[in-house]
Amino acid sequence: SLFFFVFGSSLLVARLVNIFLGLGVIFLMYLILKKLFRREDLALVGALVTAINPLFVFFNRQVQDINSAMFFGLLSILMYLIWRNSSKTKHLVLTALFMGISFMNKYSFALLAIPIFFTFPFSKLKNKKTLKQTIISALFFIVPVLFWFIYSKIKSVELNTKIAATQFKISTLVSPAFWQSLQSYVADNYTFLGVFLAFLGLLFFIMFFKKRFEYKFFLWYIIGTIPWLIVMSDKLSGHNYHQYPLVPLFAFLVAYCFLIISVNIAKILKN
């Protein structure tokens, strides 16, 4: 809306906003992986895999709310990682605010909040300063989302429409049609070669798992996909762009696969 106001309403402007958000996502992937693992090679490959991912490439140039949801979701993760080092209130507030914006764009991006929640240092809440920070930050998530929900209800009444809701159908997961459509979407979104590399990366991740924060963070991302798949099963069977929140995890696993292979080859070749 802001860019339309400045440059006039056109499809070009709308697409450019989404393209710039997409470029931001590639850069955020680099920053997040660099901050987590402190490895330039892993961060660069993760950013590269994100940039060339077919699902991302196709929808990144379209006027879709998944692009802003992805951008703000990853920005929230980056702010969270910065907060863990700085302990500044503003960084935790931005973490909550950006995750709220991501959630309001597309609720399926709540998946990105799972690793944040389960790696949050709740033990530090005994400290009054941290407790105060957390309460203030929580309000920056709850209040906007609550007002957004109320506003959506009011507008739906005015326009005589219904707010789209997710249907929690466990039966969808055992339906042959679901897996058939999912297989087709996976082929389009990641390619079978990409899925093979990601699966190999997952095996390496389990084999070389370390009890460090960065590994725990992605472990909760992986675990979080299980209930997410159940909740989103009905949506996932309907369109391939519902897999968008999985792109960062896919990019990391492929990058991790390349990292383990290249490091071991380097050891063998002594170079």
C-alpha atoms as a PDB file:
ATOM      1  CA  SER A   1       0.000   0.000   0.000  1.00  0.00           C
ATOM      2  CA  LEU A   2       2.857   2.365   0.872  1.00  0.00           C
ATOM      3  CA  PHE A   3       4.642   1.748  -2.439  1.00  0.00           C
ATOM      4  CA  PHE A   4       1.366   2.152  -4.358  1.00  0.00           C
ATOM      5  CA  PHE A   5       0.887   5.507  -2.630  1.00  0.00           C
ATOM      6  CA  VAL A   6       4.374   6.672  -3.673  1.00  0.00           C
ATOM      7  CA  PHE A   7       4.708   5.128  -7.159  1.00  0.00           C
ATOM      8  CA  GLY A   8       1.108   4.498  -8.145  1.00  0.00           C
ATOM      9  CA  SER A   9      -0.767   1.184  -8.179  1.00  0.00           C
ATOM     10  CA  SER A  10       0.661  -1.251 -10.712  1.00  0.00           C
ATOM     11  CA  LEU A  11       1.506  -4.932 -10.943  1.00  0.00           C
ATOM     12  CA  LEU A  12       5.176  -4.036 -11.473  1.00  0.00           C
ATOM     13  CA  VAL A  13       5.338  -2.254  -8.107  1.00  0.00           C
ATOM     14  CA  ALA A  14       3.540  -5.130  -6.381  1.00  0.00           C
ATOM     15  CA  ARG A  15       5.915  -7.684  -7.875  1.00  0.00           C
ATOM     16  CA  LEU A  16       9.011  -5.606  -7.049  1.00  0.00           C
ATOM     17  CA  VAL A  17       8.027  -5.456  -3.371  1.00  0.00           C
ATOM     18  CA  ASN A  18       7.809  -9.257  -3.291  1.00  0.00           C
ATOM     19  CA  ILE A  19      11.071  -9.661  -5.222  1.00  0.00           C
ATOM     20  CA  PHE A  20      12.908  -7.418  -2.739  1.00  0.00           C
ATOM     21  CA  LEU A  21      11.397  -9.395   0.144  1.00  0.00           C
ATOM     22  CA  GLY A  22      12.687 -12.568  -1.541  1.00  0.00           C
ATOM     23  CA  LEU A  23      16.179 -11.134  -1.901  1.00  0.00           C
ATOM     24  CA  GLY A  24      15.977 -10.223   1.780  1.00  0.00           C
ATOM     25  CA  VAL A  25      15.106 -13.847   2.629  1.00  0.00           C
ATOM     26  CA  ILE A  26      18.259 -15.097   0.859  1.00  0.00           C
ATOM     27  CA  PHE A  27      20.380 -12.639   2.857  1.00  0.00           C
ATOM     28  CA  LEU A  28      18.583 -13.543   6.103  1.00  0.00           C
ATOM     29  CA  MET A  29      19.278 -17.246   5.512  1.00  0.00           C
ATOM     30  CA  TYR A  30      22.964 -16.399   5.183  1.00  0.00           C
ATOM     31  CA  LEU A  31      22.963 -14.305   8.386  1.00  0.00           C
ATOM     32  CA  ILE A  32      21.009 -16.894  10.418  1.00  0.00           C
ATOM     33  CA  LEU A  33      23.230 -19.848   9.440  1.00  0.00           C
ATOM     34  CA  LYS A  34      26.378 -17.759   9.930  1.00  0.00           C
ATOM     35  CA  LYS A  35      25.227 -16.687  13.397  1.00  0.00           C
ATOM     36  CA  LEU A  36      24.169 -20.198  14.404  1.00  0.00           C
ATOM     37  CA  PHE A  37      27.108 -22.275  13.130  1.00  0.00           C
ATOM     38  CA  ARG A  38      29.786 -19.571  12.701  1.00  0.00           C
ATOM     39  CA  ARG A  39      30.731 -21.096   9.332  1.00  0.00           C
ATOM     40  CA  GLU A  40      30.937 -18.978   6.188  1.00  0.00           C
ATOM     41  CA  ASP A  41      30.761 -22.025   3.880  1.00  0.00           C
ATOM     42  CA  LEU A  42      27.553 -23.423   5.401  1.00  0.00           C
ATOM     43  CA  ALA A  43      25.925 -19.964   5.387  1.00  0.00           C
ATOM     44  CA  LEU A  44      26.799 -19.321   1.735  1.00  0.00           C
ATOM     45  CA  VAL A  45      25.598 -22.734   0.531  1.00  0.00           C
ATOM     46  CA  GLY A  46      22.377 -22.369   2.558  1.00  0.00           C
ATOM     47  CA  ALA A  47      21.739 -18.990   0.934  1.00  0.00           C
ATOM     48  CA  LEU A  48      22.503 -20.457  -2.511  1.00  0.00           C
ATOM     49  CA  VAL A  49      20.102 -23.390  -2.043  1.00  0.00           C
ATOM     50  CA  THR A  50      17.402 -20.923  -0.925  1.00  0.00           C
ATOM     51  CA  ALA A  51      18.012 -18.741  -3.988  1.00  0.00           C
ATOM     52  CA  ILE A  52      17.704 -21.612  -6.488  1.00  0.00           C
ATOM     53  CA  ASN A  53      14.900 -23.535  -4.751  1.00  0.00           C
ATOM     54  CA  PRO A  54      12.137 -23.990  -7.403  1.00  0.00           C
ATOM     55  CA  LEU A  55       9.279 -23.252  -4.984  1.00  0.00           C
ATOM     56  CA  PHE A  56      10.977 -20.065  -3.805  1.00  0.00           C
ATOM     57  CA  VAL A  57      11.920 -18.930  -7.331  1.00  0.00           C
ATOM     58  CA  PHE A  58       8.390 -19.407  -8.663  1.00  0.00           C
ATOM     59  CA  PHE A  59       6.452 -17.665  -5.879  1.00  0.00           C
ATOM     60  CA  ASN A  60       9.092 -15.084  -5.003  1.00  0.00           C
ATOM     61  CA  ARG A  61       8.153 -12.977  -8.051  1.00  0.00           C
ATOM     62  CA  GLN A  62       4.412 -13.249  -7.420  1.00  0.00           C
ATOM     63  CA  VAL A  63       2.159 -11.065  -5.278  1.00  0.00           C
ATOM     64  CA  GLN A  64       1.785 -13.530  -2.415  1.00  0.00           C
ATOM     65  CA  ASP A  65       1.522 -13.057   1.351  1.00  0.00           C
ATOM     66  CA  ILE A  66       3.848 -16.041   1.834  1.00  0.00           C
ATOM     67  CA  ASN A  67       6.769 -13.817   0.773  1.00  0.00           C
ATOM     68  CA  SER A  68       6.221 -11.252   3.517  1.00  0.00           C
ATOM     69  CA  ALA A  69       5.422 -14.056   5.988  1.00  0.00           C
ATOM     70  CA  MET A  70       8.753 -15.745   5.205  1.00  0.00           C
ATOM     71  CA  PHE A  71      10.735 -12.487   5.382  1.00  0.00           C
ATOM     72  CA  PHE A  72       9.353 -11.408   8.757  1.00  0.00           C
ATOM     73  CA  GLY A  73       9.507 -14.954  10.150  1.00  0.00           C
ATOM     74  CA  LEU A  74      13.223 -15.217   9.375  1.00  0.00           C
ATOM     75  CA  LEU A  75      13.778 -11.656  10.594  1.00  0.00           C
ATOM     76  CA  SER A  76      12.192 -12.730  13.885  1.00  0.00           C
ATOM     77  CA  ILE A  77      14.607 -15.673  14.141  1.00  0.00           C
ATOM     78  CA  LEU A  78      17.572 -13.375  13.468  1.00  0.00           C
ATOM     79  CA  MET A  79      16.404 -10.931  16.171  1.00  0.00           C
ATOM     80  CA  TYR A  80      16.047 -13.865  18.588  1.00  0.00           C
ATOM     81  CA  LEU A  81      19.616 -14.999  17.903  1.00  0.00           C
ATOM     82  CA  ILE A  82      20.870 -11.424  18.389  1.00  0.00           C
ATOM     83  CA  TRP A  83      18.897 -11.139  21.659  1.00  0.00           C
ATOM     84  CA  ARG A  84      20.493 -14.289  23.064  1.00  0.00           C
ATOM     85  CA  ASN A  85      23.850 -12.500  22.870  1.00  0.00           C
ATOM     86  CA  SER A  86      22.773  -8.944  23.674  1.00  0.00           C
ATOM     87  CA  SER A  87      19.959  -9.539  26.240  1.00  0.00           C
ATOM     88  CA  LYS A  88      18.511  -6.177  25.132  1.00  0.00           C
ATOM     89  CA  THR A  89      14.751  -5.648  25.432  1.00  0.00           C
ATOM     90  CA  LYS A  90      14.428  -4.125  21.941  1.00  0.00           C
ATOM     91  CA  HIS A  91      15.763  -7.287  20.284  1.00  0.00           C
ATOM     92  CA  LEU A  92      13.268  -9.532  22.092  1.00  0.00           C
ATOM     93  CA  VAL A  93      10.445  -7.076  21.353  1.00  0.00           C
ATOM     94  CA  LEU A  94      11.362  -7.148  17.647  1.00  0.00           C
ATOM     95  CA  THR A  95      11.483 -10.951  17.777  1.00  0.00           C
ATOM     96  CA  ALA A  96       7.878 -11.049  19.010  1.00  0.00           C
ATOM     97  CA  LEU A  97       6.651  -8.250  16.740  1.00  0.00           C
ATOM     98  CA  PHE A  98       8.143  -9.704  13.541  1.00  0.00           C
ATOM     99  CA  MET A  99       6.820 -13.187  14.377  1.00  0.00           C
ATOM    100  CA  GLY A 100       3.382 -11.650  14.911  1.00  0.00           C
ATOM    101  CA  ILE A 101       3.549  -9.942  11.510  1.00  0.00           C
ATOM    102  CA  SER A 102       4.639 -13.234   9.906  1.00  0.00           C
ATOM    103  CA  PHE A 103       1.790 -15.097  11.630  1.00  0.00           C
ATOM    104  CA  MET A 104      -0.772 -12.479  10.557  1.00  0.00           C
ATOM    105  CA  ASN A 105       0.360 -12.803   6.947  1.00  0.00           C
ATOM    106  CA  LYS A 106       0.069 -16.607   6.952  1.00  0.00           C
ATOM    107  CA  TYR A 107      -0.625 -18.592  10.116  1.00  0.00           C
ATOM    108  CA  SER A 108       1.255 -21.652   8.794  1.00  0.00           C
ATOM    109  CA  PHE A 109       4.487 -19.745   9.479  1.00  0.00           C
ATOM    110  CA  ALA A 110       3.923 -20.386  13.186  1.00  0.00           C
ATOM    111  CA  LEU A 111       6.226 -23.334  12.390  1.00  0.00           C
ATOM    112  CA  LEU A 112       9.163 -20.893  12.536  1.00  0.00           C
ATOM    113  CA  ALA A 113       8.198 -19.988  16.114  1.00  0.00           C
ATOM    114  CA  ILE A 114       8.555 -23.583  17.358  1.00  0.00           C
ATOM    115  CA  PRO A 115      12.400 -23.655  17.489  1.00  0.00           C
ATOM    116  CA  ILE A 116      12.358 -20.203  19.126  1.00  0.00           C
ATOM    117  CA  PHE A 117       9.909 -21.306  21.823  1.00  0.00           C
ATOM    118  CA  PHE A 118      11.605 -24.611  22.646  1.00  0.00           C
ATOM    119  CA  THR A 119      15.119 -23.127  22.791  1.00  0.00           C
ATOM    120  CA  PHE A 120      14.005 -20.087  24.798  1.00  0.00           C
ATOM    121  CA  PRO A 121      15.981 -19.841  28.075  1.00  0.00           C
ATOM    122  CA  PHE A 122      12.968 -20.107  30.424  1.00  0.00           C
ATOM    123  CA  SER A 123      15.323 -20.701  33.349  1.00  0.00           C
ATOM    124  CA  LYS A 124      16.347 -17.032  33.045  1.00  0.00           C
ATOM    125  CA  LEU A 125      12.792 -15.928  33.877  1.00  0.00           C
ATOM    126  CA  LYS A 126      13.822 -16.101  37.541  1.00  0.00           C
ATOM    127  CA  ASN A 127      15.672 -12.895  36.766  1.00  0.00           C
ATOM    128  CA  LYS A 128      13.254  -9.939  37.105  1.00  0.00           C
ATOM    129  CA  LYS A 129      14.774  -8.100  34.148  1.00  0.00           C
ATOM    130  CA  THR A 130      14.366 -11.087  31.809  1.00  0.00           C
ATOM    131  CA  LEU A 131      10.836 -11.732  33.095  1.00  0.00           C
ATOM    132  CA  LYS A 132       9.875  -8.100  32.426  1.00  0.00           C
ATOM    133  CA  GLN A 133      11.449  -8.294  28.930  1.00  0.00           C
ATOM    134  CA  THR A 134       9.484 -11.460  28.138  1.00  0.00           C
ATOM    135  CA  ILE A 135       6.122 -10.057  29.313  1.00  0.00           C
ATOM    136  CA  ILE A 136       6.584  -6.818  27.330  1.00  0.00           C
ATOM    137  CA  SER A 137       7.663  -8.768  24.240  1.00  0.00           C
ATOM    138  CA  ALA A 138       4.739 -11.195  24.526  1.00  0.00           C
ATOM    139  CA  LEU A 139       2.359  -8.218  24.420  1.00  0.00           C
ATOM    140  CA  PHE A 140       3.949  -7.070  21.144  1.00  0.00           C
ATOM    141  CA  PHE A 141       2.889 -10.423  19.686  1.00  0.00           C
ATOM    142  CA  ILE A 142      -0.483 -10.925  21.404  1.00  0.00           C
ATOM    143  CA  VAL A 143      -1.968  -7.417  21.043  1.00  0.00           C
ATOM    144  CA  PRO A 144      -1.487  -6.974  17.246  1.00  0.00           C
ATOM    145  CA  VAL A 145      -2.628 -10.551  16.540  1.00  0.00           C
ATOM    146  CA  LEU A 146      -5.699 -10.078  18.756  1.00  0.00           C
ATOM    147  CA  PHE A 147      -6.661  -6.808  17.055  1.00  0.00           C
ATOM    148  CA  TRP A 148      -6.035  -8.392  13.644  1.00  0.00           C
ATOM    149  CA  PHE A 149      -8.359 -11.272  14.526  1.00  0.00           C
ATOM    150  CA  ILE A 150     -11.103  -8.912  15.764  1.00  0.00           C
ATOM    151  CA  TYR A 151     -10.704  -6.712  12.664  1.00  0.00           C
ATOM    152  CA  SER A 152     -10.933  -9.801  10.420  1.00  0.00           C
ATOM    153  CA  LYS A 153     -14.134 -10.861  12.165  1.00  0.00           C
ATOM    154  CA  ILE A 154     -15.671  -7.392  11.689  1.00  0.00           C
ATOM    155  CA  LYS A 155     -14.677  -7.237   8.003  1.00  0.00           C
ATOM    156  CA  SER A 156     -15.978 -10.756   7.356  1.00  0.00           C
ATOM    157  CA  VAL A 157     -19.388  -9.689   8.696  1.00  0.00           C
ATOM    158  CA  GLU A 158     -19.331  -6.494   6.583  1.00  0.00           C
ATOM    159  CA  LEU A 159     -18.393  -8.410   3.421  1.00  0.00           C
ATOM    160  CA  ASN A 160     -20.655 -11.354   4.273  1.00  0.00           C
ATOM    161  CA  THR A 161     -17.780 -13.832   4.027  1.00  0.00           C
ATOM    162  CA  LYS A 162     -16.281 -16.448   6.297  1.00  0.00           C
ATOM    163  CA  ILE A 163     -12.753 -16.464   7.706  1.00  0.00           C
ATOM    164  CA  ALA A 164     -10.939 -19.406   6.161  1.00  0.00           C
ATOM    165  CA  ALA A 165     -10.181 -22.024   8.797  1.00  0.00           C
ATOM    166  CA  THR A 166      -7.902 -25.033   8.799  1.00  0.00           C
ATOM    167  CA  GLN A 167      -9.651 -28.364   9.074  1.00  0.00           C
ATOM    168  CA  PHE A 168      -7.797 -30.752  11.349  1.00  0.00           C
ATOM    169  CA  LYS A 169      -8.296 -34.045   9.566  1.00  0.00           C
ATOM    170  CA  ILE A 170      -6.014 -36.884  10.636  1.00  0.00           C
ATOM    171  CA  SER A 171      -7.775 -39.023   8.032  1.00  0.00           C
ATOM    172  CA  THR A 172      -6.192 -36.884   5.290  1.00  0.00           C
ATOM    173  CA  LEU A 173      -2.755 -38.274   6.174  1.00  0.00           C
ATOM    174  CA  VAL A 174      -3.805 -41.863   5.409  1.00  0.00           C
ATOM    175  CA  SER A 175      -5.538 -40.943   2.181  1.00  0.00           C
ATOM    176  CA  PRO A 176      -3.738 -42.201  -0.997  1.00  0.00           C
ATOM    177  CA  ALA A 177      -4.827 -39.020  -2.800  1.00  0.00           C
ATOM    178  CA  PHE A 178      -3.013 -36.894  -0.195  1.00  0.00           C
ATOM    179  CA  TRP A 179       0.313 -38.691  -0.673  1.00  0.00           C
ATOM    180  CA  GLN A 180      -0.093 -38.684  -4.446  1.00  0.00           C
ATOM    181  CA  SER A 181      -0.599 -34.914  -4.539  1.00  0.00           C
ATOM    182  CA  LEU A 182       2.176 -34.404  -1.962  1.00  0.00           C
ATOM    183  CA  GLN A 183       4.603 -36.401  -4.105  1.00  0.00           C
ATOM    184  CA  SER A 184       3.764 -34.230  -7.098  1.00  0.00           C
ATOM    185  CA  TYR A 185       4.185 -31.009  -5.088  1.00  0.00           C
ATOM    186  CA  VAL A 186       7.505 -32.176  -3.580  1.00  0.00           C
ATOM    187  CA  ALA A 187       8.841 -32.929  -7.069  1.00  0.00           C
ATOM    188  CA  ASP A 188       7.887 -29.417  -8.205  1.00  0.00           C
ATOM    189  CA  ASN A 189       9.045 -27.669  -5.036  1.00  0.00           C
ATOM    190  CA  TYR A 190      12.378 -29.325  -4.275  1.00  0.00           C
ATOM    191  CA  THR A 191      13.056 -31.863  -7.067  1.00  0.00           C
ATOM    192  CA  PHE A 192      13.699 -35.502  -6.141  1.00  0.00           C
ATOM    193  CA  LEU A 193      17.462 -34.878  -6.212  1.00  0.00           C
ATOM    194  CA  GLY A 194      16.961 -32.034  -3.736  1.00  0.00           C
ATOM    195  CA  VAL A 195      14.855 -34.273  -1.476  1.00  0.00           C
ATOM    196  CA  PHE A 196      17.544 -36.982  -1.624  1.00  0.00           C
ATOM    197  CA  LEU A 197      20.239 -34.470  -0.601  1.00  0.00           C
ATOM    198  CA  ALA A 198      18.024 -33.098   2.188  1.00  0.00           C
ATOM    199  CA  PHE A 199      17.351 -36.643   3.455  1.00  0.00           C
ATOM    200  CA  LEU A 200      21.095 -37.347   3.385  1.00  0.00           C
ATOM    201  CA  GLY A 201      21.621 -34.091   5.262  1.00  0.00           C
ATOM    202  CA  LEU A 202      19.058 -35.215   7.866  1.00  0.00           C
ATOM    203  CA  LEU A 203      20.924 -38.514   8.343  1.00  0.00           C
ATOM    204  CA  PHE A 204      24.221 -36.635   8.765  1.00  0.00           C
ATOM    205  CA  PHE A 205      22.530 -34.215  11.178  1.00  0.00           C
ATOM    206  CA  ILE A 206      21.395 -37.136  13.366  1.00  0.00           C
ATOM    207  CA  MET A 207      24.769 -38.902  13.109  1.00  0.00           C
ATOM    208  CA  PHE A 208      26.829 -35.834  14.003  1.00  0.00           C
ATOM    209  CA  PHE A 209      24.333 -34.224  16.383  1.00  0.00           C
ATOM    210  CA  LYS A 210      25.947 -32.193  19.153  1.00  0.00           C
ATOM    211  CA  LYS A 211      24.323 -30.896  22.330  1.00  0.00           C
ATOM    212  CA  ARG A 212      24.833 -27.309  21.282  1.00  0.00           C
ATOM    213  CA  PHE A 213      22.280 -24.559  20.796  1.00  0.00           C
ATOM    214  CA  GLU A 214      22.486 -24.461  16.978  1.00  0.00           C
ATOM    215  CA  TYR A 215      21.807 -28.208  16.710  1.00  0.00           C
ATOM    216  CA  LYS A 216      18.960 -28.041  19.228  1.00  0.00           C
ATOM    217  CA  PHE A 217      17.453 -25.139  17.291  1.00  0.00           C
ATOM    218  CA  PHE A 218      17.187 -27.126  14.050  1.00  0.00           C
ATOM    219  CA  LEU A 219      16.208 -30.274  15.934  1.00  0.00           C
ATOM    220  CA  TRP A 220      13.079 -28.468  17.176  1.00  0.00           C
ATOM    221  CA  TYR A 221      12.458 -27.178  13.647  1.00  0.00           C
ATOM    222  CA  ILE A 222      12.514 -30.797  12.439  1.00  0.00           C
ATOM    223  CA  ILE A 223      10.358 -32.072  15.329  1.00  0.00           C
ATOM    224  CA  GLY A 224       7.932 -29.176  14.812  1.00  0.00           C
ATOM    225  CA  THR A 225       7.202 -30.275  11.246  1.00  0.00           C
ATOM    226  CA  ILE A 226       5.426 -33.412  12.547  1.00  0.00           C
ATOM    227  CA  PRO A 227       2.480 -31.671  14.287  1.00  0.00           C
ATOM    228  CA  TRP A 228       2.624 -28.976  11.590  1.00  0.00           C
ATOM    229  CA  LEU A 229       2.044 -31.623   8.885  1.00  0.00           C
ATOM    230  CA  ILE A 230      -0.965 -32.941  10.797  1.00  0.00           C
ATOM    231  CA  VAL A 231      -2.484 -29.476  11.269  1.00  0.00           C
ATOM    232  CA  MET A 232      -1.735 -28.422   7.680  1.00  0.00           C
ATOM    233  CA  SER A 233      -2.547 -31.746   5.973  1.00  0.00           C
ATOM    234  CA  ASP A 234      -5.823 -30.500   4.494  1.00  0.00           C
ATOM    235  CA  LYS A 235      -4.139 -27.359   3.110  1.00  0.00           C
ATOM    236  CA  LEU A 236      -1.041 -29.252   1.920  1.00  0.00           C
ATOM    237  CA  SER A 237      -3.184 -31.485  -0.263  1.00  0.00           C
ATOM    238  CA  GLY A 238      -4.641 -28.428  -1.979  1.00  0.00           C
ATOM    239  CA  HIS A 239      -1.649 -26.410  -3.178  1.00  0.00           C
ATOM    240  CA  ASN A 240       2.140 -26.629  -3.281  1.00  0.00           C
ATOM    241  CA  TYR A 241       2.809 -23.139  -1.851  1.00  0.00           C
ATOM    242  CA  HIS A 242       1.640 -24.326   1.583  1.00  0.00           C
ATOM    243  CA  GLN A 243       5.064 -26.017   1.866  1.00  0.00           C
ATOM    244  CA  TYR A 244       6.746 -22.584   1.899  1.00  0.00           C
ATOM    245  CA  PRO A 245       7.594 -22.630   5.653  1.00  0.00           C
ATOM    246  CA  LEU A 246       9.713 -25.752   5.007  1.00  0.00           C
ATOM    247  CA  VAL A 247      12.091 -23.987   2.582  1.00  0.00           C
ATOM    248  CA  PRO A 248      14.562 -22.751   5.274  1.00  0.00           C
ATOM    249  CA  LEU A 249      14.759 -26.264   6.772  1.00  0.00           C
ATOM    250  CA  PHE A 250      15.235 -27.809   3.322  1.00  0.00           C
ATOM    251  CA  ALA A 251      17.997 -25.294   2.473  1.00  0.00           C
ATOM    252  CA  PHE A 252      19.796 -25.994   5.752  1.00  0.00           C
ATOM    253  CA  LEU A 253      19.670 -29.800   5.360  1.00  0.00           C
ATOM    254  CA  VAL A 254      21.005 -29.658   1.784  1.00  0.00           C
ATOM    255  CA  ALA A 255      23.750 -27.230   2.852  1.00  0.00           C
ATOM    256  CA  TYR A 256      24.620 -29.441   5.833  1.00  0.00           C
ATOM    257  CA  CYS A 257      24.833 -32.452   3.494  1.00  0.00           C
ATOM    258  CA  PHE A 258      27.333 -30.622   1.271  1.00  0.00           C
ATOM    259  CA  LEU A 259      29.278 -29.440   4.319  1.00  0.00           C
ATOM    260  CA  ILE A 260      29.766 -32.936   5.776  1.00  0.00           C
ATOM    261  CA  ILE A 261      30.716 -34.430   2.398  1.00  0.00           C
ATOM    262  CA  SER A 262      33.166 -31.633   1.522  1.00  0.00           C
ATOM    263  CA  VAL A 263      34.795 -31.598   4.974  1.00  0.00           C
ATOM    264  CA  ASN A 264      35.417 -35.358   4.843  1.00  0.00           C
ATOM    265  CA  ILE A 265      36.741 -35.206   1.264  1.00  0.00           C
ATOM    266  CA  ALA A 266      39.069 -32.415   2.381  1.00  0.00           C
ATOM    267  CA  LYS A 267      40.377 -34.633   5.210  1.00  0.00           C
ATOM    268  CA  ILE A 268      41.054 -37.491   2.772  1.00  0.00           C
ATOM    269  CA  LEU A 269      42.770 -35.229   0.230  1.00  0.00           C
ATOM    270  CA  LYS A 270      44.585 -33.263   2.953  1.00  0.00           C
ATOM    271  CA  ASN A 271      43.443 -30.060   1.227  1.00  0.00           C
END
